[in-house]
PDB file of N, CA and C in Angstrom:
ATOM      1  N   MET A   1      28.252  19.743  20.133  1.00  0.00           N
ATOM      2  CA  MET A   1      29.243  18.862  20.702  1.00  0.00           C
ATOM      3  C   MET A   1      29.331  17.557  19.907  1.00  0.00           C
ATOM      4  N   ALA A   2      28.196  17.100  19.387  1.00  0.00           N
ATOM      5  CA  ALA A   2      28.210  15.853  18.611  1.00  0.00           C
ATOM      6  C   ALA A   2      28.986  16.027  17.320  1.00  0.00           C
ATOM      7  N   GLY A   3      28.952  17.223  16.756  1.00  0.00           N
ATOM      8  CA  GLY A   3      29.702  17.487  15.532  1.00  0.00           C
ATOM      9  C   GLY A   3      31.204  17.376  15.755  1.00  0.00           C
ATOM     10  N   VAL A   4      31.654  17.824  16.917  1.00  0.00           N
ATOM     11  CA  VAL A   4      33.075  17.733  17.245  1.00  0.00           C
ATOM     12  C   VAL A   4      33.470  16.270  17.395  1.00  0.00           C
ATOM     13  N   ALA A   5      32.643  15.492  18.072  1.00  0.00           N
ATOM     14  CA  ALA A   5      32.945  14.071  18.248  1.00  0.00           C
ATOM     15  C   ALA A   5      32.964  13.347  16.901  1.00  0.00           C
ATOM     16  N   ALA A   6      32.035  13.684  16.036  1.00  0.00           N
ATOM     17  CA  ALA A   6      32.001  13.055  14.714  1.00  0.00           C
ATOM     18  C   ALA A   6      33.230  13.428  13.895  1.00  0.00           C
ATOM     19  N   SER A   7      33.681  14.666  14.023  1.00  0.00           N
ATOM     20  CA  SER A   7      34.869  15.065  13.272  1.00  0.00           C
ATOM     21  C   SER A   7      36.115  14.370  13.799  1.00  0.00           C
ATOM     22  N   PHE A   8      36.210  14.189  15.118  1.00  0.00           N
ATOM     23  CA  PHE A   8      37.341  13.443  15.676  1.00  0.00           C
ATOM     24  C   PHE A   8      37.328  11.996  15.195  1.00  0.00           C
ATOM     25  N   ALA A   9      36.153  11.394  15.157  1.00  0.00           N
ATOM     26  CA  ALA A   9      36.053  10.013  14.675  1.00  0.00           C
ATOM     27  C   ALA A   9      36.459   9.919  13.216  1.00  0.00           C
ATOM     28  N   SER A  10      36.034  10.877  12.417  1.00  0.00           N
ATOM     29  CA  SER A  10      36.377  10.876  10.996  1.00  0.00           C
ATOM     30  C   SER A  10      37.877  11.059  10.790  1.00  0.00           C
ATOM     31  N   VAL A  11      38.468  11.988  11.521  1.00  0.00           N
ATOM     32  CA  VAL A  11      39.915  12.211  11.413  1.00  0.00           C
ATOM     33  C   VAL A  11      40.676  10.971  11.848  1.00  0.00           C
ATOM     34  N   GLY A  12      40.195  10.311  12.901  1.00  0.00           N
ATOM     35  CA  GLY A  12      40.845   9.081  13.363  1.00  0.00           C
ATOM     36  C   GLY A  12      40.809   7.982  12.321  1.00  0.00           C
ATOM     37  N   ARG A  13      39.670   7.824  11.665  1.00  0.00           N
ATOM     38  CA  ARG A  13      39.562   6.804  10.617  1.00  0.00           C
ATOM     39  C   ARG A  13      40.472   7.123   9.440  1.00  0.00           C
ATOM     40  N   GLN A  14      40.485   8.389   9.025  1.00  0.00           N
ATOM     41  CA  GLN A  14      41.330   8.779   7.893  1.00  0.00           C
ATOM     42  C   GLN A  14      42.811   8.612   8.219  1.00  0.00           C
ATOM     43  N   THR A  15      43.199   8.969   9.422  1.00  0.00           N
ATOM     44  CA  THR A  15      44.591   8.816   9.835  1.00  0.00           C
ATOM     45  C   THR A  15      44.970   7.343   9.887  1.00  0.00           C
ATOM     46  N   GLY A  16      44.102   6.524  10.457  1.00  0.00           N
ATOM     47  CA  GLY A  16      44.360   5.087  10.522  1.00  0.00           C
ATOM     48  C   GLY A  16      44.475   4.456   9.150  1.00  0.00           C
ATOM     49  N   THR A  17      43.605   4.870   8.249  1.00  0.00           N
ATOM     50  CA  THR A  17      43.661   4.340   6.887  1.00  0.00           C
ATOM     51  C   THR A  17      44.957   4.751   6.200  1.00  0.00           C
ATOM     52  N   SER A  18      45.334   6.007   6.340  1.00  0.00           N
ATOM     53  CA  SER A  18      46.577   6.490   5.721  1.00  0.00           C
ATOM     54  C   SER A  18      47.795   5.759   6.268  1.00  0.00           C
ATOM     55  N   LEU A  19      47.848   5.600   7.593  1.00  0.00           N
ATOM     56  CA  LEU A  19      48.968   4.874   8.195  1.00  0.00           C
ATOM     57  C   LEU A  19      48.975   3.412   7.768  1.00  0.00           C
ATOM     58  N   GLY A  20      47.801   2.809   7.684  1.00  0.00           N
ATOM     59  CA  GLY A  20      47.724   1.414   7.257  1.00  0.00           C
ATOM     60  C   GLY A  20      48.238   1.212   5.849  1.00  0.00           C
ATOM     61  N   VAL A  21      47.851   2.103   4.940  1.00  0.00           N
ATOM     62  CA  VAL A  21      48.324   2.002   3.567  1.00  0.00           C
ATOM     63  C   VAL A  21      49.829   2.220   3.504  1.00  0.00           C
ATOM     64  N   ALA A  22      50.323   3.197   4.250  1.00  0.00           N
ATOM     65  CA  ALA A  22      51.758   3.493   4.225  1.00  0.00           C
ATOM     66  C   ALA A  22      52.581   2.339   4.798  1.00  0.00           C
ATOM     67  N   ILE A  23      52.138   1.787   5.923  1.00  0.00           N
ATOM     68  CA  ILE A  23      52.885   0.691   6.549  1.00  0.00           C
ATOM     69  C   ILE A  23      52.817  -0.563   5.692  1.00  0.00           C
ATOM     70  N   SER A  24      51.636  -0.858   5.168  1.00  0.00           N
ATOM     71  CA  SER A  24      51.506  -2.025   4.293  1.00  0.00           C
ATOM     72  C   SER A  24      52.378  -1.878   3.056  1.00  0.00           C
ATOM     73  N   GLY A  25      52.393  -0.688   2.483  1.00  0.00           N
ATOM     74  CA  GLY A  25      53.237  -0.449   1.318  1.00  0.00           C
ATOM     75  C   GLY A  25      54.716  -0.582   1.648  1.00  0.00           C
ATOM     76  N   ALA A  26      55.109  -0.151   2.838  1.00  0.00           N
ATOM     77  CA  ALA A  26      56.509  -0.276   3.245  1.00  0.00           C
ATOM     78  C   ALA A  26      56.908  -1.734   3.452  1.00  0.00           C
ATOM     79  N   ILE A  27      55.956  -2.563   3.851  1.00  0.00           N
ATOM     80  CA  ILE A  27      56.252  -3.992   4.052  1.00  0.00           C
ATOM     81  C   ILE A  27      56.279  -4.726   2.714  1.00  0.00           C
ATOM     82  N   VAL A  28      55.305  -4.448   1.861  1.00  0.00           N
ATOM     83  CA  VAL A  28      55.143  -5.201   0.625  1.00  0.00           C
ATOM     84  C   VAL A  28      55.945  -4.604  -0.533  1.00  0.00           C
ATOM     85  N   GLY A  29      56.154  -3.296  -0.522  1.00  0.00           N
ATOM     86  CA  GLY A  29      56.801  -2.623  -1.636  1.00  0.00           C
ATOM     87  C   GLY A  29      58.152  -3.187  -2.056  1.00  0.00           C
ATOM     88  N   PRO A  30      59.079  -3.402  -1.137  1.00  0.00           N
ATOM     89  CA  PRO A  30      60.386  -3.922  -1.553  1.00  0.00           C
ATOM     90  C   PRO A  30      60.313  -5.301  -2.224  1.00  0.00           C
ATOM     91  N   ALA A  31      59.272  -6.064  -1.937  1.00  0.00           N
ATOM     92  CA  ALA A  31      59.147  -7.396  -2.528  1.00  0.00           C
ATOM     93  C   ALA A  31      58.732  -7.338  -3.998  1.00  0.00           C
ATOM     94  N   LEU A  32      58.192  -6.216  -4.454  1.00  0.00           N
ATOM     95  CA  LEU A  32      57.761  -6.105  -5.848  1.00  0.00           C
ATOM     96  C   LEU A  32      58.920  -6.307  -6.821  1.00  0.00           C
ATOM     97  N   ALA A  33      60.101  -5.844  -6.448  1.00  0.00           N
ATOM     98  CA  ALA A  33      61.248  -5.968  -7.345  1.00  0.00           C
ATOM     99  C   ALA A  33      61.732  -7.410  -7.467  1.00  0.00           C
ATOM    100  N   ARG A  34      61.374  -8.255  -6.511  1.00  0.00           N
ATOM    101  CA  ARG A  34      61.838  -9.652  -6.522  1.00  0.00           C
ATOM    102  C   ARG A  34      60.859 -10.601  -7.184  1.00  0.00           C
ATOM    103  N   GLY A  35      59.678 -10.140  -7.539  1.00  0.00           N
ATOM    104  CA  GLY A  35      58.740 -10.999  -8.259  1.00  0.00           C
ATOM    105  C   GLY A  35      57.494 -11.316  -7.461  1.00  0.00           C
ATOM    106  N   ALA A  36      56.600 -12.059  -8.120  1.00  0.00           N
ATOM    107  CA  ALA A  36      55.283 -12.350  -7.561  1.00  0.00           C
ATOM    108  C   ALA A  36      55.351 -13.221  -6.308  1.00  0.00           C
ATOM    109  N   ALA A  37      56.235 -14.193  -6.273  1.00  0.00           N
ATOM    110  CA  ALA A  37      56.316 -15.078  -5.105  1.00  0.00           C
ATOM    111  C   ALA A  37      56.762 -14.300  -3.869  1.00  0.00           C
ATOM    112  N   ALA A  38      57.713 -13.408  -4.037  1.00  0.00           N
ATOM    113  CA  ALA A  38      58.174 -12.593  -2.910  1.00  0.00           C
ATOM    114  C   ALA A  38      57.064 -11.644  -2.453  1.00  0.00           C
ATOM    115  N   PHE A  39      56.312 -11.117  -3.418  1.00  0.00           N
ATOM    116  CA  PHE A  39      55.198 -10.225  -3.084  1.00  0.00           C
ATOM    117  C   PHE A  39      54.161 -10.960  -2.242  1.00  0.00           C
ATOM    118  N   THR A  40      53.823 -12.184  -2.637  1.00  0.00           N
ATOM    119  CA  THR A  40      52.831 -12.964  -1.895  1.00  0.00           C
ATOM    120  C   THR A  40      53.329 -13.266  -0.489  1.00  0.00           C
ATOM    121  N   GLY A  41      54.598 -13.601  -0.355  1.00  0.00           N
ATOM    122  CA  GLY A  41      55.151 -13.849   0.981  1.00  0.00           C
ATOM    123  C   GLY A  41      55.123 -12.605   1.853  1.00  0.00           C
ATOM    124  N   ALA A  42      55.444 -11.461   1.264  1.00  0.00           N
ATOM    125  CA  ALA A  42      55.413 -10.211   2.015  1.00  0.00           C
ATOM    126  C   ALA A  42      53.983  -9.832   2.382  1.00  0.00           C
ATOM    127  N   GLU A  43      53.042 -10.189   1.512  1.00  0.00           N
ATOM    128  CA  GLU A  43      51.637  -9.901   1.795  1.00  0.00           C
ATOM    129  C   GLU A  43      51.165 -10.655   3.042  1.00  0.00           C
ATOM    130  N   HIS A  44      51.698 -11.847   3.260  1.00  0.00           N
ATOM    131  CA  HIS A  44      51.338 -12.603   4.460  1.00  0.00           C
ATOM    132  C   HIS A  44      51.755 -11.865   5.723  1.00  0.00           C
ATOM    133  N   ALA A  45      52.884 -11.174   5.669  1.00  0.00           N
ATOM    134  CA  ALA A  45      53.318 -10.387   6.824  1.00  0.00           C
ATOM    135  C   ALA A  45      52.304  -9.292   7.145  1.00  0.00           C
ATOM    136  N   VAL A  46      51.730  -8.687   6.104  1.00  0.00           N
ATOM    137  CA  VAL A  46      50.715  -7.650   6.321  1.00  0.00           C
ATOM    138  C   VAL A  46      49.478  -8.253   6.982  1.00  0.00           C
ATOM    139  N   TRP A  47      49.069  -9.439   6.522  1.00  0.00           N
ATOM    140  CA  TRP A  47      47.898 -10.081   7.128  1.00  0.00           C
ATOM    141  C   TRP A  47      48.148 -10.449   8.582  1.00  0.00           C
ATOM    142  N   TRP A  48      49.353 -10.879   8.910  1.00  0.00           N
ATOM    143  CA  TRP A  48      49.682 -11.169  10.308  1.00  0.00           C
ATOM    144  C   TRP A  48      49.644  -9.885  11.148  1.00  0.00           C
ATOM    145  N   LEU A  49      50.109  -8.793  10.565  1.00  0.00           N
ATOM    146  CA  LEU A  49      50.046  -7.507  11.254  1.00  0.00           C
ATOM    147  C   LEU A  49      48.593  -7.109  11.523  1.00  0.00           C
ATOM    148  N   VAL A  50      47.745  -7.264  10.520  1.00  0.00           N
ATOM    149  CA  VAL A  50      46.324  -6.947  10.677  1.00  0.00           C
ATOM    150  C   VAL A  50      45.695  -7.835  11.752  1.00  0.00           C
ATOM    151  N   LEU A  51      46.031  -9.119  11.746  1.00  0.00           N
ATOM    152  CA  LEU A  51      45.507 -10.038  12.765  1.00  0.00           C
ATOM    153  C   LEU A  51      45.956  -9.620  14.157  1.00  0.00           C
ATOM    154  N   GLY A  52      47.238  -9.272  14.306  1.00  0.00           N
ATOM    155  CA  GLY A  52      47.750  -8.842  15.610  1.00  0.00           C
ATOM    156  C   GLY A  52      47.093  -7.571  16.104  1.00  0.00           C
ATOM    157  N   LEU A  53      46.921  -6.596  15.220  1.00  0.00           N
ATOM    158  CA  LEU A  53      46.259  -5.356  15.608  1.00  0.00           C
ATOM    159  C   LEU A  53      44.794  -5.592  15.959  1.00  0.00           C
ATOM    160  N   GLY A  54      44.137  -6.474  15.217  1.00  0.00           N
ATOM    161  CA  GLY A  54      42.748  -6.811  15.539  1.00  0.00           C
ATOM    162  C   GLY A  54      42.632  -7.465  16.903  1.00  0.00           C
ATOM    163  N   ALA A  55      43.567  -8.350  17.234  1.00  0.00           N
ATOM    164  CA  ALA A  55      43.563  -8.987  18.559  1.00  0.00           C
ATOM    165  C   ALA A  55      43.792  -7.950  19.659  1.00  0.00           C
ATOM    166  N   ALA A  56      44.696  -6.997  19.403  1.00  0.00           N
ATOM    167  CA  ALA A  56      44.942  -5.945  20.393  1.00  0.00           C
ATOM    168  C   ALA A  56      43.690  -5.093  20.604  1.00  0.00           C
ATOM    169  N   ILE A  57      42.974  -4.784  19.533  1.00  0.00           N
ATOM    170  CA  ILE A  57      41.738  -4.015  19.654  1.00  0.00           C
ATOM    171  C   ILE A  57      40.692  -4.798  20.432  1.00  0.00           C
ATOM    172  N   LEU A  58      40.614  -6.110  20.190  1.00  0.00           N
ATOM    173  CA  LEU A  58      39.674  -6.949  20.938  1.00  0.00           C
ATOM    174  C   LEU A  58      39.993  -6.930  22.430  1.00  0.00           C
ATOM    175  N   VAL A  59      41.254  -7.070  22.783  1.00  0.00           N
ATOM    176  CA  VAL A  59      41.654  -7.057  24.194  1.00  0.00           C
ATOM    177  C   VAL A  59      41.326  -5.706  24.833  1.00  0.00           C
ATOM    178  N   LEU A  60      41.652  -4.619  24.134  1.00  0.00           N
ATOM    179  CA  LEU A  60      41.338  -3.294  24.666  1.00  0.00           C
ATOM    180  C   LEU A  60      39.829  -3.094  24.812  1.00  0.00           C
ATOM    181  N   GLY A  61      39.054  -3.596  23.872  1.00  0.00           N
ATOM    182  CA  GLY A  61      37.601  -3.502  23.980  1.00  0.00           C
ATOM    183  C   GLY A  61      37.059  -4.255  25.176  1.00  0.00           C
ATOM    184  N   LEU A  62      37.595  -5.448  25.420  1.00  0.00           N
ATOM    185  CA  LEU A  62      37.155  -6.221  26.579  1.00  0.00           C
ATOM    186  C   LEU A  62      37.562  -5.553  27.889  1.00  0.00           C
ATOM    187  N   LEU A  63      38.771  -5.002  27.931  1.00  0.00           N
ATOM    188  CA  LEU A  63      39.225  -4.318  29.140  1.00  0.00           C
ATOM    189  C   LEU A  63      38.432  -3.048  29.414  1.00  0.00           C
ATOM    190  N   SER A  64      38.054  -2.346  28.368  1.00  0.00           N
ATOM    191  CA  SER A  64      37.378  -1.061  28.548  1.00  0.00           C
ATOM    192  C   SER A  64      35.891  -1.199  28.840  1.00  0.00           C
ATOM    193  N   THR A  65      35.344  -2.402  28.807  1.00  0.00           N
ATOM    194  CA  THR A  65      33.920  -2.579  29.102  1.00  0.00           C
ATOM    195  C   THR A  65      33.684  -3.478  30.309  1.00  0.00           C
ATOM    196  N   GLY A  66      34.729  -3.861  30.996  1.00  0.00           N
ATOM    197  CA  GLY A  66      34.598  -4.750  32.140  1.00  0.00           C
ATOM    198  C   GLY A  66      34.223  -4.013  33.420  1.00  0.00           C
ATOM    199  N   ARG A  67      34.124  -4.770  34.501  1.00  0.00           N
ATOM    200  CA  ARG A  67      33.747  -4.222  35.802  1.00  0.00           C
ATOM    201  C   ARG A  67      34.767  -3.186  36.279  1.00  0.00           C
ATOM    202  N   TRP A  68      36.054  -3.474  36.090  1.00  0.00           N
ATOM    203  CA  TRP A  68      37.100  -2.547  36.504  1.00  0.00           C
ATOM    204  C   TRP A  68      36.964  -1.220  35.776  1.00  0.00           C
ATOM    205  N   ALA A  69      36.725  -1.270  34.457  1.00  0.00           N
ATOM    206  CA  ALA A  69      36.608  -0.046  33.660  1.00  0.00           C
ATOM    207  C   ALA A  69      35.370   0.754  34.067  1.00  0.00           C
ATOM    208  N   LEU A  70      34.268   0.073  34.350  1.00  0.00           N
ATOM    209  CA  LEU A  70      33.057   0.786  34.768  1.00  0.00           C
ATOM    210  C   LEU A  70      33.260   1.472  36.109  1.00  0.00           C
ATOM    211  N   GLY A  71      33.978   0.814  37.011  1.00  0.00           N
ATOM    212  CA  GLY A  71      34.289   1.431  38.306  1.00  0.00           C
ATOM    213  C   GLY A  71      35.183   2.645  38.141  1.00  0.00           C
ATOM    214  N   THR A  72      36.165   2.538  37.271  1.00  0.00           N
ATOM    215  CA  THR A  72      37.052   3.665  37.003  1.00  0.00           C
ATOM    216  C   THR A  72      36.277   4.827  36.398  1.00  0.00           C
ATOM    217  N   ALA A  73      35.372   4.531  35.482  1.00  0.00           N
ATOM    218  CA  ALA A  73      34.553   5.583  34.861  1.00  0.00           C
ATOM    219  C   ALA A  73      33.668   6.259  35.901  1.00  0.00           C
ATOM    220  N   ALA A  74      33.105   5.498  36.829  1.00  0.00           N
ATOM    221  CA  ALA A  74      32.253   6.079  37.873  1.00  0.00           C
ATOM    222  C   ALA A  74      33.076   6.999  38.784  1.00  0.00           C
ATOM    223  N   ARG A  75      34.290   6.573  39.147  1.00  0.00           N
ATOM    224  CA  ARG A  75      35.146   7.417  39.991  1.00  0.00           C
ATOM    225  C   ARG A  75      35.547   8.697  39.254  1.00  0.00           C
ATOM    226  N   ALA A  76      35.844   8.594  37.974  1.00  0.00           N
ATOM    227  CA  ALA A  76      36.198   9.778  37.191  1.00  0.00           C
ATOM    228  C   ALA A  76      35.001  10.722  37.076  1.00  0.00           C
ATOM    229  N   ALA A  77      33.810  10.168  36.875  1.00  0.00           N
ATOM    230  CA  ALA A  77      32.606  11.001  36.781  1.00  0.00           C
ATOM    231  C   ALA A  77      32.360  11.738  38.088  1.00  0.00           C
ATOM    232  N   ALA A  78      32.610  11.069  39.216  1.00  0.00           N
ATOM    233  CA  ALA A  78      32.440  11.723  40.515  1.00  0.00           C
ATOM    234  C   ALA A  78      33.431  12.867  40.679  1.00  0.00           C
ATOM    235  N   LEU A  79      34.648  12.679  40.213  1.00  0.00           N
ATOM    236  CA  LEU A  79      35.641  13.754  40.288  1.00  0.00           C
ATOM    237  C   LEU A  79      35.217  14.948  39.431  1.00  0.00           C
ATOM    238  N   PHE A  80      34.723  14.692  38.228  1.00  0.00           N
ATOM    239  CA  PHE A  80      34.266  15.782  37.374  1.00  0.00           C
ATOM    240  C   PHE A  80      33.058  16.483  37.989  1.00  0.00           C
ATOM    241  N   GLU A  81      32.186  15.724  38.613  1.00  0.00           N
ATOM    242  CA  GLU A  81      31.022  16.307  39.282  1.00  0.00           C
ATOM    243  C   GLU A  81      31.480  17.238  40.393  1.00  0.00           C
ATOM    244  N   GLU A  82      32.491  16.823  41.146  1.00  0.00           N
ATOM    245  CA  GLU A  82      33.006  17.648  42.233  1.00  0.00           C
ATOM    246  C   GLU A  82      33.662  18.912  41.693  1.00  0.00           C
ATOM    247  N   VAL A  83      34.375  18.806  40.591  1.00  0.00           N
ATOM    248  CA  VAL A  83      35.011  19.982  40.001  1.00  0.00           C
ATOM    249  C   VAL A  83      33.946  20.943  39.485  1.00  0.00           C
ATOM    250  N   ASP A  84      32.906  20.412  38.860  1.00  0.00           N
ATOM    251  CA  ASP A  84      31.851  21.264  38.304  1.00  0.00           C
ATOM    252  C   ASP A  84      31.015  21.953  39.376  1.00  0.00           C
ATOM    253  N   HIS A  85      30.704  21.222  40.451  1.00  0.00           N
ATOM    254  CA  HIS A  85      29.761  21.738  41.443  1.00  0.00           C
ATOM    255  C   HIS A  85      30.373  21.947  42.814  1.00  0.00           C
ATOM    256  N   GLY A  86      31.610  21.620  43.010  1.00  0.00           N
ATOM    257  CA  GLY A  86      32.238  21.727  44.318  1.00  0.00           C
ATOM    258  C   GLY A  86      31.897  20.510  45.157  1.00  0.00           C
ATOM    259  N   PRO A  87      32.500  20.396  46.328  1.00  0.00           N
ATOM    260  CA  PRO A  87      32.183  19.255  47.202  1.00  0.00           C
ATOM    261  C   PRO A  87      30.700  19.251  47.543  1.00  0.00           C
ATOM    262  N   ARG A  88      30.160  18.092  47.774  1.00  0.00           N
ATOM    263  CA  ARG A  88      28.717  17.974  48.036  1.00  0.00           C
ATOM    264  C   ARG A  88      28.295  18.695  49.303  1.00  0.00           C
ATOM    265  N   THR A  89      29.167  18.797  50.286  1.00  0.00           N
ATOM    266  CA  THR A  89      28.795  19.446  51.547  1.00  0.00           C
ATOM    267  C   THR A  89      28.898  20.960  51.457  1.00  0.00           C
ATOM    268  N   ALA A  90      29.584  21.482  50.462  1.00  0.00           N
ATOM    269  CA  ALA A  90      29.802  22.922  50.372  1.00  0.00           C
ATOM    270  C   ALA A  90      29.035  23.554  49.219  1.00  0.00           C
ATOM    271  N   ARG A  91      27.908  23.000  48.858  1.00  0.00           N
ATOM    272  CA  ARG A  91      27.114  23.588  47.778  1.00  0.00           C
ATOM    273  C   ARG A  91      26.480  24.890  48.251  1.00  0.00           C
ATOM    274  N   PRO A  92      26.379  25.864  47.364  1.00  0.00           N
ATOM    275  CA  PRO A  92      25.766  27.136  47.767  1.00  0.00           C
ATOM    276  C   PRO A  92      24.279  26.941  48.049  1.00  0.00           C
ATOM    277  N   PRO A  93      23.737  27.735  48.958  1.00  0.00           N
ATOM    278  CA  PRO A  93      22.307  27.590  49.281  1.00  0.00           C
ATOM    279  C   PRO A  93      21.464  28.006  48.091  1.00  0.00           C
ATOM    280  N   ARG A  94      20.271  27.453  48.047  1.00  0.00           N
ATOM    281  CA  ARG A  94      19.341  27.763  46.951  1.00  0.00           C
ATOM    282  C   ARG A  94      18.809  29.188  47.111  1.00  0.00           C
ATOM    283  N   ALA A  95      18.399  29.770  46.006  1.00  0.00           N
ATOM    284  CA  ALA A  95      17.887  31.135  46.011  1.00  0.00           C
ATOM    285  C   ALA A  95      16.657  31.262  46.893  1.00  0.00           C
ATOM    286  N   GLU A  96      15.797  30.225  46.937  1.00  0.00           N
ATOM    287  CA  GLU A  96      14.588  30.284  47.777  1.00  0.00           C
ATOM    288  C   GLU A  96      14.943  30.383  49.249  1.00  0.00           C
ATOM    289  N   ALA A  97      16.009  29.716  49.657  1.00  0.00           N
ATOM    290  CA  ALA A  97      16.398  29.729  51.052  1.00  0.00           C
ATOM    291  C   ALA A  97      16.930  31.103  51.467  1.00  0.00           C
ATOM    292  N   LEU A  98      17.434  31.869  50.531  1.00  0.00           N
ATOM    293  CA  LEU A  98      17.967  33.206  50.834  1.00  0.00           C
ATOM    294  C   LEU A  98      16.903  34.284  50.705  1.00  0.00           C
ATOM    295  N   GLY A  99      15.691  33.921  50.353  1.00  0.00           N
ATOM    296  CA  GLY A  99      14.621  34.874  50.208  1.00  0.00           C
ATOM    297  C   GLY A  99      14.568  35.535  48.841  1.00  0.00           C
ATOM    298  N   ARG A 100      15.343  35.012  47.877  1.00  0.00           N
ATOM    299  CA  ARG A 100      15.332  35.543  46.507  1.00  0.00           C
ATOM    300  C   ARG A 100      14.513  34.639  45.609  1.00  0.00           C
ATOM    301  N   ARG A 101      13.955  35.238  44.589  1.00  0.00           N
ATOM    302  CA  ARG A 101      13.231  34.424  43.602  1.00  0.00           C
ATOM    303  C   ARG A 101      13.527  34.859  42.243  1.00  0.00           C
TER     304      ARG A 101
END
């Protein structure tokens, strides 16, 4: 299971890097034909984009580790527990109680 998680993380990083290069190139590329000053100005737009995305990641990180998020995770875990094992009151009897071993 850890191998699957690692592969998803790797694919996510590669996809993010590819999209970042493509978007940055789309922002800065047209300025190349106008000269170095235009390129530098367009490069600032890329840095502002990076700053904005970094701020969004920070906000999402803070939201996903707060008290509200932990409560939501606990409720979701309880739902998965119920799906896996059924309601707590309707659990099947143990083998020892039925006389089996």
